[in-house]
């Protein structure tokens, strides 16, 4: 069978890996769905292939100004930075390169070196950092709120735009290739196996007809070992690098 492309196929794939069709997997449908949700949550929290770096445009409303925060989509996991685009005053700042170009009318690239333009732009950027700086941001993922620590009334107006550079979760319902990810398949299977072992360990030592003895504890320990190895693999190979703040 081809790689799974939806949740139903993914669920059947995980059960087949555990032996379904040959042996009985003693896990309820509700437990399987819960373990798949747990695997997806871990995958989306840590795996670099589960999120995409993107830009989100937000138009400022009066509520945003009153609250002094903006509300993002719940698929946003991490905010990298915020870029302000003031549509009404985009070229009124003395530190805006376009303003300086029009004011001085010196950047005629047919007669002025590009190196001079680059030097001037770097100098203006340094002055902007010295006098204006960068407003600190605080993103609360579980409330979907992005706080920007600044004087909102002085820096933004209604209908201005801010661009948020962030990481967003890739929706598996809209991007079927997620279900075929090797790590997600192995991790979800190990999660279901652990649940199976936990269920079976309640009947440890019971002898079935034919002399077969249940050994749920062994299944549980195997699953725990597999999960630990997969999570170590995640940290070493697949996790996004940590973003450091310097000051």
C-alpha atoms as a PDB file:
ATOM      1  CA  UNK A   1       0.000   0.000   0.000  1.00  0.00           C
ATOM      2  CA  UNK A   2       1.184   3.518  -0.795  1.00  0.00           C
ATOM      3  CA  UNK A   3       2.126   5.956   1.943  1.00  0.00           C
ATOM      4  CA  UNK A   4      -0.940   7.104   3.955  1.00  0.00           C
ATOM      5  CA  UNK A   5      -2.533  10.341   2.747  1.00  0.00           C
ATOM      6  CA  UNK A   6      -5.211  10.912   5.400  1.00  0.00           C
ATOM      7  CA  UNK A   7      -5.949  10.136   9.035  1.00  0.00           C
ATOM      8  CA  UNK A   8      -7.943   6.976   8.298  1.00  0.00           C
ATOM      9  CA  UNK A   9      -5.163   5.441   6.201  1.00  0.00           C
ATOM     10  CA  UNK A  10      -2.597   6.563   8.786  1.00  0.00           C
ATOM     11  CA  UNK A  11      -4.506   4.826  11.585  1.00  0.00           C
ATOM     12  CA  UNK A  12      -4.759   1.589   9.564  1.00  0.00           C
ATOM     13  CA  UNK A  13      -1.041   1.750   8.728  1.00  0.00           C
ATOM     14  CA  UNK A  14      -0.023   2.053  12.401  1.00  0.00           C
ATOM     15  CA  UNK A  15      -2.220  -0.875  13.389  1.00  0.00           C
ATOM     16  CA  UNK A  16      -0.800  -3.053  10.592  1.00  0.00           C
ATOM     17  CA  UNK A  17       2.727  -2.297  11.833  1.00  0.00           C
ATOM     18  CA  UNK A  18       1.674  -3.660  15.213  1.00  0.00           C
ATOM     19  CA  UNK A  19       0.343  -6.866  13.638  1.00  0.00           C
ATOM     20  CA  UNK A  20      -3.332  -6.096  13.126  1.00  0.00           C
ATOM     21  CA  UNK A  21      -4.856  -8.697  10.825  1.00  0.00           C
ATOM     22  CA  UNK A  22      -2.629 -11.397  12.289  1.00  0.00           C
ATOM     23  CA  UNK A  23      -3.083 -10.742  15.991  1.00  0.00           C
ATOM     24  CA  UNK A  24      -5.620  -8.754  17.945  1.00  0.00           C
ATOM     25  CA  UNK A  25      -4.534  -5.272  19.048  1.00  0.00           C
ATOM     26  CA  UNK A  26      -6.303  -4.629  22.340  1.00  0.00           C
ATOM     27  CA  UNK A  27      -6.722  -0.869  22.033  1.00  0.00           C
ATOM     28  CA  UNK A  28     -10.036   0.955  21.648  1.00  0.00           C
ATOM     29  CA  UNK A  29     -10.718   3.331  18.754  1.00  0.00           C
ATOM     30  CA  UNK A  30     -10.878   6.249  21.188  1.00  0.00           C
ATOM     31  CA  UNK A  31      -7.463   5.358  22.600  1.00  0.00           C
ATOM     32  CA  UNK A  32      -5.983   5.082  19.102  1.00  0.00           C
ATOM     33  CA  UNK A  33      -7.341   8.515  18.165  1.00  0.00           C
ATOM     34  CA  UNK A  34      -5.919   9.986  21.381  1.00  0.00           C
ATOM     35  CA  UNK A  35      -2.475   8.526  20.742  1.00  0.00           C
ATOM     36  CA  UNK A  36      -2.467   9.830  17.158  1.00  0.00           C
ATOM     37  CA  UNK A  37      -3.369  13.275  18.513  1.00  0.00           C
ATOM     38  CA  UNK A  38      -0.500  13.015  21.016  1.00  0.00           C
ATOM     39  CA  UNK A  39       1.918  12.040  18.249  1.00  0.00           C
ATOM     40  CA  UNK A  40       0.763  14.905  16.032  1.00  0.00           C
ATOM     41  CA  UNK A  41       1.113  17.377  18.892  1.00  0.00           C
ATOM     42  CA  UNK A  42       4.686  16.267  19.616  1.00  0.00           C
ATOM     43  CA  UNK A  43       5.533  16.268  15.907  1.00  0.00           C
ATOM     44  CA  UNK A  44       4.179  19.813  15.445  1.00  0.00           C
ATOM     45  CA  UNK A  45       5.923  21.114  18.564  1.00  0.00           C
ATOM     46  CA  UNK A  46       9.406  19.928  17.642  1.00  0.00           C
ATOM     47  CA  UNK A  47       9.863  18.641  14.089  1.00  0.00           C
ATOM     48  CA  UNK A  48      11.199  21.127  11.561  1.00  0.00           C
ATOM     49  CA  UNK A  49       9.117  19.536   8.789  1.00  0.00           C
ATOM     50  CA  UNK A  50       5.860  20.134  10.696  1.00  0.00           C
ATOM     51  CA  UNK A  51       6.028  23.939  10.563  1.00  0.00           C
ATOM     52  CA  UNK A  52       6.764  26.552   7.924  1.00  0.00           C
ATOM     53  CA  UNK A  53       8.407  29.948   8.319  1.00  0.00           C
ATOM     54  CA  UNK A  54       6.065  32.523   6.874  1.00  0.00           C
ATOM     55  CA  UNK A  55       4.780  36.121   7.086  1.00  0.00           C
ATOM     56  CA  UNK A  56       1.333  37.050   8.379  1.00  0.00           C
ATOM     57  CA  UNK A  57      -0.205  40.434   7.540  1.00  0.00           C
ATOM     58  CA  UNK A  58      -2.418  42.026  10.192  1.00  0.00           C
ATOM     59  CA  UNK A  59      -4.357  45.273   9.809  1.00  0.00           C
ATOM     60  CA  UNK A  60      -4.618  47.264  13.021  1.00  0.00           C
ATOM     61  CA  UNK A  61      -8.092  47.859  14.450  1.00  0.00           C
ATOM     62  CA  UNK A  62      -9.276  50.112  17.265  1.00  0.00           C
ATOM     63  CA  UNK A  63      -9.614  47.046  19.489  1.00  0.00           C
ATOM     64  CA  UNK A  64      -5.929  46.267  18.880  1.00  0.00           C
ATOM     65  CA  UNK A  65      -4.963  49.780  19.970  1.00  0.00           C
ATOM     66  CA  UNK A  66      -7.163  49.587  23.064  1.00  0.00           C
ATOM     67  CA  UNK A  67      -5.899  46.114  24.032  1.00  0.00           C
ATOM     68  CA  UNK A  68      -2.290  46.827  23.052  1.00  0.00           C
ATOM     69  CA  UNK A  69      -1.928  43.380  21.543  1.00  0.00           C
ATOM     70  CA  UNK A  70      -2.966  41.608  18.343  1.00  0.00           C
ATOM     71  CA  UNK A  71      -4.600  38.210  18.039  1.00  0.00           C
ATOM     72  CA  UNK A  72      -2.960  35.667  15.753  1.00  0.00           C
ATOM     73  CA  UNK A  73      -4.221  32.465  14.226  1.00  0.00           C
ATOM     74  CA  UNK A  74      -3.915  29.474  16.563  1.00  0.00           C
ATOM     75  CA  UNK A  75      -1.684  27.712  14.048  1.00  0.00           C
ATOM     76  CA  UNK A  76       1.156  30.148  14.880  1.00  0.00           C
ATOM     77  CA  UNK A  77       3.651  28.406  17.153  1.00  0.00           C
ATOM     78  CA  UNK A  78       6.519  30.908  17.368  1.00  0.00           C
ATOM     79  CA  UNK A  79       6.890  34.596  16.508  1.00  0.00           C
ATOM     80  CA  UNK A  80      10.304  35.619  15.205  1.00  0.00           C
ATOM     81  CA  UNK A  81       9.836  39.361  14.766  1.00  0.00           C
ATOM     82  CA  UNK A  82       7.349  42.070  13.847  1.00  0.00           C
ATOM     83  CA  UNK A  83       7.772  44.457  10.922  1.00  0.00           C
ATOM     84  CA  UNK A  84       5.709  47.642  10.924  1.00  0.00           C
ATOM     85  CA  UNK A  85       4.334  49.023   7.678  1.00  0.00           C
ATOM     86  CA  UNK A  86       2.631  52.353   8.271  1.00  0.00           C
ATOM     87  CA  UNK A  87       0.704  52.879   5.043  1.00  0.00           C
ATOM     88  CA  UNK A  88      -0.012  56.554   5.748  1.00  0.00           C
ATOM     89  CA  UNK A  89       3.511  57.598   6.770  1.00  0.00           C
ATOM     90  CA  UNK A  90       5.756  55.028   5.127  1.00  0.00           C
ATOM     91  CA  UNK A  91       8.209  57.647   3.836  1.00  0.00           C
ATOM     92  CA  UNK A  92       7.928  60.373   6.484  1.00  0.00           C
ATOM     93  CA  UNK A  93      10.620  59.052   8.828  1.00  0.00           C
ATOM     94  CA  UNK A  94      14.015  60.696   8.575  1.00  0.00           C
ATOM     95  CA  UNK A  95      15.535  57.225   8.858  1.00  0.00           C
ATOM     96  CA  UNK A  96      13.606  55.841   5.905  1.00  0.00           C
ATOM     97  CA  UNK A  97      15.995  55.223   2.998  1.00  0.00           C
ATOM     98  CA  UNK A  98      13.388  56.251   0.453  1.00  0.00           C
ATOM     99  CA  UNK A  99      12.923  59.547   2.319  1.00  0.00           C
ATOM    100  CA  UNK A 100      16.660  60.203   2.299  1.00  0.00           C
ATOM    101  CA  UNK A 101      16.945  59.325  -1.374  1.00  0.00           C
ATOM    102  CA  UNK A 102      14.263  61.828  -2.334  1.00  0.00           C
ATOM    103  CA  UNK A 103      15.483  64.497   0.091  1.00  0.00           C
ATOM    104  CA  UNK A 104      19.097  64.501  -1.014  1.00  0.00           C
ATOM    105  CA  UNK A 105      18.590  63.249  -4.558  1.00  0.00           C
ATOM    106  CA  UNK A 106      22.077  61.746  -4.515  1.00  0.00           C
ATOM    107  CA  UNK A 107      21.394  58.118  -5.273  1.00  0.00           C
ATOM    108  CA  UNK A 108      21.588  58.305  -9.022  1.00  0.00           C
ATOM    109  CA  UNK A 109      23.097  54.913  -9.720  1.00  0.00           C
ATOM    110  CA  UNK A 110      24.342  56.049 -13.122  1.00  0.00           C
ATOM    111  CA  UNK A 111      26.810  58.407 -11.449  1.00  0.00           C
ATOM    112  CA  UNK A 112      27.065  57.260  -7.795  1.00  0.00           C
ATOM    113  CA  UNK A 113      28.670  54.046  -6.637  1.00  0.00           C
ATOM    114  CA  UNK A 114      26.425  51.333  -5.229  1.00  0.00           C
ATOM    115  CA  UNK A 115      28.978  51.070  -2.420  1.00  0.00           C
ATOM    116  CA  UNK A 116      28.095  54.635  -1.341  1.00  0.00           C
ATOM    117  CA  UNK A 117      24.407  53.742  -1.291  1.00  0.00           C
ATOM    118  CA  UNK A 118      25.110  50.602   0.758  1.00  0.00           C
ATOM    119  CA  UNK A 119      27.234  52.585   3.235  1.00  0.00           C
ATOM    120  CA  UNK A 120      24.555  55.262   3.623  1.00  0.00           C
ATOM    121  CA  UNK A 121      21.836  52.663   4.118  1.00  0.00           C
ATOM    122  CA  UNK A 122      23.903  50.878   6.778  1.00  0.00           C
ATOM    123  CA  UNK A 123      24.544  54.205   8.532  1.00  0.00           C
ATOM    124  CA  UNK A 124      20.838  55.109   8.566  1.00  0.00           C
ATOM    125  CA  UNK A 125      19.965  51.679   9.875  1.00  0.00           C
ATOM    126  CA  UNK A 126      22.466  52.116  12.707  1.00  0.00           C
ATOM    127  CA  UNK A 127      20.991  55.519  13.625  1.00  0.00           C
ATOM    128  CA  UNK A 128      17.514  54.039  13.571  1.00  0.00           C
ATOM    129  CA  UNK A 129      18.625  51.297  15.965  1.00  0.00           C
ATOM    130  CA  UNK A 130      20.306  53.840  18.261  1.00  0.00           C
ATOM    131  CA  UNK A 131      17.414  56.301  18.522  1.00  0.00           C
ATOM    132  CA  UNK A 132      14.367  54.109  17.959  1.00  0.00           C
ATOM    133  CA  UNK A 133      15.477  50.578  18.728  1.00  0.00           C
ATOM    134  CA  UNK A 134      13.386  47.437  18.348  1.00  0.00           C
ATOM    135  CA  UNK A 135      10.246  47.015  20.419  1.00  0.00           C
ATOM    136  CA  UNK A 136      10.284  43.812  22.505  1.00  0.00           C
ATOM    137  CA  UNK A 137       7.567  41.272  21.705  1.00  0.00           C
ATOM    138  CA  UNK A 138       5.832  38.617  23.827  1.00  0.00           C
ATOM    139  CA  UNK A 139       3.847  35.843  22.200  1.00  0.00           C
ATOM    140  CA  UNK A 140       1.405  33.791  24.284  1.00  0.00           C
ATOM    141  CA  UNK A 141       0.766  30.701  22.202  1.00  0.00           C
ATOM    142  CA  UNK A 142      -2.138  29.308  24.201  1.00  0.00           C
ATOM    143  CA  UNK A 143      -4.049  32.605  24.119  1.00  0.00           C
ATOM    144  CA  UNK A 144      -3.010  33.542  20.546  1.00  0.00           C
ATOM    145  CA  UNK A 145      -1.957  37.004  21.772  1.00  0.00           C
ATOM    146  CA  UNK A 146       1.061  38.933  20.496  1.00  0.00           C
ATOM    147  CA  UNK A 147       2.115  41.801  22.768  1.00  0.00           C
ATOM    148  CA  UNK A 148       4.371  44.515  21.366  1.00  0.00           C
ATOM    149  CA  UNK A 149       5.958  46.573  24.156  1.00  0.00           C
ATOM    150  CA  UNK A 150       5.691  50.088  22.793  1.00  0.00           C
ATOM    151  CA  UNK A 151       3.479  53.167  22.923  1.00  0.00           C
ATOM    152  CA  UNK A 152       0.758  51.952  20.599  1.00  0.00           C
ATOM    153  CA  UNK A 153      -0.977  55.306  20.111  1.00  0.00           C
ATOM    154  CA  UNK A 154       2.279  56.962  19.011  1.00  0.00           C
ATOM    155  CA  UNK A 155       3.515  54.209  16.733  1.00  0.00           C
ATOM    156  CA  UNK A 156       0.388  52.792  15.086  1.00  0.00           C
ATOM    157  CA  UNK A 157      -2.981  53.963  13.870  1.00  0.00           C
ATOM    158  CA  UNK A 158      -6.160  52.228  12.803  1.00  0.00           C
ATOM    159  CA  UNK A 159      -5.761  50.577   9.360  1.00  0.00           C
ATOM    160  CA  UNK A 160      -1.955  50.470   9.594  1.00  0.00           C
ATOM    161  CA  UNK A 161      -0.383  47.085   8.894  1.00  0.00           C
ATOM    162  CA  UNK A 162       2.108  44.985  10.788  1.00  0.00           C
ATOM    163  CA  UNK A 163       3.854  42.002   9.264  1.00  0.00           C
ATOM    164  CA  UNK A 164       4.557  39.138  11.656  1.00  0.00           C
ATOM    165  CA  UNK A 165       7.386  36.774  10.764  1.00  0.00           C
ATOM    166  CA  UNK A 166       6.514  33.489  12.413  1.00  0.00           C
ATOM    167  CA  UNK A 167       6.350  29.705  12.290  1.00  0.00           C
ATOM    168  CA  UNK A 168       2.974  28.135  11.511  1.00  0.00           C
ATOM    169  CA  UNK A 169       1.886  24.528  11.826  1.00  0.00           C
ATOM    170  CA  UNK A 170       1.375  22.801   8.489  1.00  0.00           C
ATOM    171  CA  UNK A 171      -2.234  21.598   8.449  1.00  0.00           C
ATOM    172  CA  UNK A 172      -2.250  17.815   7.758  1.00  0.00           C
ATOM    173  CA  UNK A 173      -5.825  17.956   6.431  1.00  0.00           C
ATOM    174  CA  UNK A 174      -4.720  20.320   3.670  1.00  0.00           C
ATOM    175  CA  UNK A 175      -1.244  18.827   3.159  1.00  0.00           C
ATOM    176  CA  UNK A 176      -1.590  15.060   2.841  1.00  0.00           C
ATOM    177  CA  UNK A 177       2.167  14.423   2.699  1.00  0.00           C
ATOM    178  CA  UNK A 178       2.377  15.020   6.457  1.00  0.00           C
ATOM    179  CA  UNK A 179       0.717  11.641   7.063  1.00  0.00           C
ATOM    180  CA  UNK A 180       3.528   9.918   5.168  1.00  0.00           C
ATOM    181  CA  UNK A 181       6.329  11.395   7.272  1.00  0.00           C
ATOM    182  CA  UNK A 182       8.613   8.598   8.467  1.00  0.00           C
ATOM    183  CA  UNK A 183       9.119   9.983  11.968  1.00  0.00           C
ATOM    184  CA  UNK A 184       5.401  10.618  12.544  1.00  0.00           C
ATOM    185  CA  UNK A 185       4.510   7.071  11.450  1.00  0.00           C
ATOM    186  CA  UNK A 186       7.068   5.498  13.766  1.00  0.00           C
ATOM    187  CA  UNK A 187       6.225   7.749  16.704  1.00  0.00           C
ATOM    188  CA  UNK A 188       2.443   7.258  16.435  1.00  0.00           C
ATOM    189  CA  UNK A 189       2.929   3.493  16.160  1.00  0.00           C
ATOM    190  CA  UNK A 190       5.077   3.505  19.317  1.00  0.00           C
ATOM    191  CA  UNK A 191       2.452   5.583  21.119  1.00  0.00           C
ATOM    192  CA  UNK A 192      -0.304   3.098  20.232  1.00  0.00           C
ATOM    193  CA  UNK A 193       1.983   0.219  21.203  1.00  0.00           C
ATOM    194  CA  UNK A 194       2.552   1.801  24.603  1.00  0.00           C
ATOM    195  CA  UNK A 195      -1.211   2.094  25.091  1.00  0.00           C
ATOM    196  CA  UNK A 196      -1.596  -1.545  24.075  1.00  0.00           C
ATOM    197  CA  UNK A 197       1.036  -2.594  26.604  1.00  0.00           C
ATOM    198  CA  UNK A 198      -0.635  -0.556  29.347  1.00  0.00           C
ATOM    199  CA  UNK A 199      -3.972  -2.224  28.593  1.00  0.00           C
ATOM    200  CA  UNK A 200      -2.511  -5.722  28.520  1.00  0.00           C
ATOM    201  CA  UNK A 201      -0.418  -5.238  31.664  1.00  0.00           C
ATOM    202  CA  UNK A 202      -3.674  -5.211  33.659  1.00  0.00           C
ATOM    203  CA  UNK A 203      -3.981  -8.927  32.877  1.00  0.00           C
ATOM    204  CA  UNK A 204      -0.352  -9.847  33.500  1.00  0.00           C
ATOM    205  CA  UNK A 205       0.200 -13.578  34.057  1.00  0.00           C
ATOM    206  CA  UNK A 206      -3.193 -14.769  32.830  1.00  0.00           C
ATOM    207  CA  UNK A 207      -2.902 -18.016  30.851  1.00  0.00           C
ATOM    208  CA  UNK A 208      -5.033 -18.255  27.730  1.00  0.00           C
ATOM    209  CA  UNK A 209      -6.380 -21.463  26.159  1.00  0.00           C
ATOM    210  CA  UNK A 210      -3.486 -23.348  24.583  1.00  0.00           C
ATOM    211  CA  UNK A 211      -1.047 -22.349  27.329  1.00  0.00           C
ATOM    212  CA  UNK A 212      -0.252 -18.850  26.021  1.00  0.00           C
ATOM    213  CA  UNK A 213       0.549 -16.394  28.825  1.00  0.00           C
ATOM    214  CA  UNK A 214      -0.108 -12.664  28.448  1.00  0.00           C
ATOM    215  CA  UNK A 215       2.977 -10.466  28.758  1.00  0.00           C
ATOM    216  CA  UNK A 216       1.727  -6.901  28.466  1.00  0.00           C
ATOM    217  CA  UNK A 217       4.633  -5.634  30.543  1.00  0.00           C
ATOM    218  CA  UNK A 218       7.116  -6.621  27.824  1.00  0.00           C
ATOM    219  CA  UNK A 219       5.091  -4.778  25.158  1.00  0.00           C
ATOM    220  CA  UNK A 220       4.942  -1.711  27.409  1.00  0.00           C
ATOM    221  CA  UNK A 221       8.693  -1.673  28.060  1.00  0.00           C
ATOM    222  CA  UNK A 222       9.488  -2.132  24.363  1.00  0.00           C
ATOM    223  CA  UNK A 223       7.214   0.778  23.481  1.00  0.00           C
ATOM    224  CA  UNK A 224       8.751   3.041  26.123  1.00  0.00           C
ATOM    225  CA  UNK A 225      12.227   2.274  24.770  1.00  0.00           C
ATOM    226  CA  UNK A 226      11.121   2.996  21.201  1.00  0.00           C
ATOM    227  CA  UNK A 227       9.551   6.314  22.244  1.00  0.00           C
ATOM    228  CA  UNK A 228      12.699   7.350  24.131  1.00  0.00           C
ATOM    229  CA  UNK A 229      14.893   6.550  21.111  1.00  0.00           C
ATOM    230  CA  UNK A 230      12.599   8.426  18.739  1.00  0.00           C
ATOM    231  CA  UNK A 231      12.509  11.502  20.985  1.00  0.00           C
ATOM    232  CA  UNK A 232      16.304  11.451  21.172  1.00  0.00           C
ATOM    233  CA  UNK A 233      16.417  11.245  17.373  1.00  0.00           C
ATOM    234  CA  UNK A 234      14.098  14.250  17.234  1.00  0.00           C
ATOM    235  CA  UNK A 235      16.439  16.327  19.406  1.00  0.00           C
ATOM    236  CA  UNK A 236      19.552  15.340  17.475  1.00  0.00           C
ATOM    237  CA  UNK A 237      18.289  15.394  13.882  1.00  0.00           C
ATOM    238  CA  UNK A 238      14.932  17.066  13.355  1.00  0.00           C
ATOM    239  CA  UNK A 239      14.373  19.787  15.950  1.00  0.00           C
ATOM    240  CA  UNK A 240      14.642  23.431  14.929  1.00  0.00           C
ATOM    241  CA  UNK A 241      17.658  25.254  16.411  1.00  0.00           C
ATOM    242  CA  UNK A 242      16.987  27.353  19.495  1.00  0.00           C
ATOM    243  CA  UNK A 243      16.573  31.094  18.892  1.00  0.00           C
ATOM    244  CA  UNK A 244      18.850  33.016  21.256  1.00  0.00           C
ATOM    245  CA  UNK A 245      18.195  36.549  22.471  1.00  0.00           C
ATOM    246  CA  UNK A 246      21.228  38.799  22.799  1.00  0.00           C
ATOM    247  CA  UNK A 247      21.458  42.228  24.275  1.00  0.00           C
END
